């Protein structure tokens, strides 16, 4: 009986440690596959909006200069 208690204790710790590591790995994978691409897409979209705004401003300025 006395040798069964440490085995159960360390077995339980091993199971908890496994799920703890699994959670960390899952979080890192989610960040890599969802968060980082989302941030990149957001920045690309903002850059495109800025470029189109700049082109529109330049076009309007050129039209004002022509008249």
Protein backbone atom coordinates (compact mmCIF):
# COMPACT_ATOMS: atom_id res chain seq x y z
CA UNK A 1 0.00 0.00 0.00
CA UNK A 2 2.79 2.42 0.85
CA UNK A 3 4.41 2.01 -2.60
CA UNK A 4 1.07 2.63 -4.36
CA UNK A 5 0.66 6.16 -2.98
CA UNK A 6 3.81 7.64 -4.58
CA UNK A 7 2.98 5.96 -7.88
CA UNK A 8 -0.50 7.48 -7.87
CA UNK A 9 0.89 10.86 -6.78
CA UNK A 10 3.55 11.03 -9.49
CA UNK A 11 1.16 9.56 -12.06
CA UNK A 12 -1.35 12.31 -11.27
CA UNK A 13 1.36 14.96 -11.52
CA UNK A 14 2.42 13.52 -14.87
CA UNK A 15 -1.16 13.73 -16.19
CA UNK A 16 -1.55 17.31 -14.97
CA UNK A 17 1.81 18.25 -16.43
CA UNK A 18 0.81 16.70 -19.78
CA UNK A 19 -2.38 18.79 -19.99
CA UNK A 20 -0.53 21.91 -18.88
CA UNK A 21 2.05 21.48 -21.66
CA UNK A 22 -0.72 20.60 -24.14
CA UNK A 23 -2.48 23.87 -23.28
CA UNK A 24 0.69 25.91 -23.78
CA UNK A 25 1.41 24.23 -27.12
CA UNK A 26 -2.20 24.74 -28.27
CA UNK A 27 -2.05 28.41 -27.34
CA UNK A 28 1.22 28.87 -29.22
CA UNK A 29 -0.22 27.10 -32.26
CA UNK A 30 -3.35 29.30 -32.17
CA UNK A 31 -1.22 32.43 -31.97
CA UNK A 32 0.90 31.24 -34.88
CA UNK A 33 -2.01 30.19 -37.10
CA UNK A 34 -4.71 32.75 -36.23
CA UNK A 35 -3.46 35.82 -34.42
CA UNK A 36 -0.30 36.58 -36.38
CA UNK A 37 -1.94 36.15 -39.84
CA UNK A 38 -4.86 38.28 -38.63
CA UNK A 39 -2.51 41.06 -37.57
CA UNK A 40 -0.68 40.86 -40.90
CA UNK A 41 -3.95 41.00 -42.84
CA UNK A 42 -5.12 43.97 -40.78
CA UNK A 43 -1.89 45.86 -41.44
CA UNK A 44 -2.09 45.08 -45.19
CA UNK A 45 -5.64 46.39 -45.28
CA UNK A 46 -4.69 49.58 -43.46
CA UNK A 47 -1.75 50.09 -45.82
CA UNK A 48 -4.02 49.61 -48.86
CA UNK A 49 -6.52 52.11 -47.48
CA UNK A 50 -3.74 54.62 -46.90
CA UNK A 51 -2.43 54.10 -50.44
CA UNK A 52 -5.87 54.55 -52.02
CA UNK A 53 -6.47 57.67 -49.91
CA UNK A 54 -3.12 59.06 -51.03
CA UNK A 55 -3.92 58.31 -54.70
CA UNK A 56 -7.32 59.96 -54.34
CA UNK A 57 -5.79 63.05 -52.77
CA UNK A 58 -3.19 63.28 -55.53
CA UNK A 59 -5.86 62.85 -58.21
CA UNK A 60 -8.04 65.54 -56.64
CA UNK A 61 -5.05 67.86 -56.36
CA UNK A 62 -4.21 67.31 -60.02
CA UNK A 63 -7.83 67.98 -60.99
CA UNK A 64 -7.83 71.22 -58.98
CA UNK A 65 -4.62 72.33 -60.66
CA UNK A 66 -6.09 71.67 -64.09
CA UNK A 67 -9.10 73.94 -63.50
